[in-house]
Amino acid sequence: MNPHLAPVEVPDPAALPHVQQLCDLSSPYTAGLETDALFAAAMAESNDWHAQRSPFFRALLEDTPRTSSPTVGEAIRTPLVHANFFKRHEVLSIPREEVFLHLTSSGTTGQKSQMFFDTWTIRSAQRMVARIFDHYGWITPDQPVNYLLYSYEPAPQLKLGTSFTDNYLCDFAPARHTTHALRHTGTGHEFDVHGCIRALQRYAEDGLPVRILGFPAFLHFTLERMRALGMPPLQLPAGSLVLLGGGWKGHTDRQIGKEEFYAEVTGQLGIPSERIRDTFGSVEHCVPYIECEQHRLHVPVWSRAAVRDTRTLQPLPHGERGFLHLVSPYITSVPAQSVVMGDLASLHPAQDCPCPLPTPWFTIHGRAGVSRNRNCAAAAAELLKGMS
């Protein structure tokens, strides 16, 4: 068994039995009345947990009208906390000595979300990722792979969530060789596009599957540079996988459509479309959302999603665009169990996707408004400046 699938226990089994039960569900896309009831019970426990330990959340809960939630149901409140709140405030529901991991959401400049994790929170989130990887057959302990990571090379004091995540994703298949696109220089990071090209050429000849993880903009710029150099397409070995995350923020003026981008990857690297998946997640909400083979971001059993009007924050019907609202009771370290993201999204019923997954899915349509707030992708985009 992969160690990330191993059991993990909530901080207080007596106070959080339904949270434990929900997060112990091993099938990532289970749906139905039974799981809905379990989710509601777990959210009630999560609210009680944070209300007893966080004066901020207790006051928020008391001020929230007792109205039904589109994400949980009758009688369970989901007070809204915008993700930007965590860029300005450090709010914990555990003593600082119980913090197991501290991650930030941006680069060296701009406002950063400061998120703190106890052992349960980070390990349960990692177990969610492992279960989705297991669902898709991506845990291959007997099949070494070569990695090209479009993320930050580890460096002392680096606490970025994306760097942590991409390096963690290397645990699901043993690494023969690893290349980081954003190389640590001693004073910062630089995008090594020619190092990426050399790695792809070497990996194409090596015969092992290749896993490409990280920011899509950097992969696009690598392929663009290969074309500019007149390089012929490569054929990466069978079983190769592209898993993207972080978006194009900071370079949306050069962003291409998803279908065009996936076709570019297939055409130049030989990886079929069903082996190219985008992901969504954040340091404020670590539940993983990974595209199905039809490229829809389905909501896993451990969370619920809604879309809210950008002006009134009222829930919107399927298909309409608004702020993405994500809910999950897994987190015990910070009162971030009900977070409104800065992303514009639309929510869709399961039957609107031809894949067999029975849960709703959402589409990200970009960031709402213009802000000085930066995240990992925006900070990394600075490294692309000056590239043709």
Foldseek 3Di string as FASTA:
>chain_A
DQPLQDQDDDPDCVLQVLLSVLLNDLQWQDDDPVLLVSQLVNLVSLLVLQLVQWVVSVVQVVPDDQDADPWRGHRRDFREDAQCVQLPDDTWSDPPVQFPAWAWFADDDFGIRTDTAGPQLVSSLSNLVVSVCVVVVNQDAPAEAAEEEAAADDDPPHRHPQVVVVVSVCSRYHYPYYHYQFYDDPVGTAGDLVVSVVVLVVQLPPQGAYEYEEALVSVVLSLVVCVVVVHAAGEHHPPHAYEYEDYQPQNPVPDDDPVVSLVSCCRRHVDDQLRYKYWYDGSLGSRIFIAHSQHWGFRTSQKTKFFAAQPPRHTDDAPDKHWIWMAGSSGSTGPSRIYTYQWIKGKDAPVVGPDPRHGITMDTPGGPDDDSHRGHNSNVSVSVPPRD
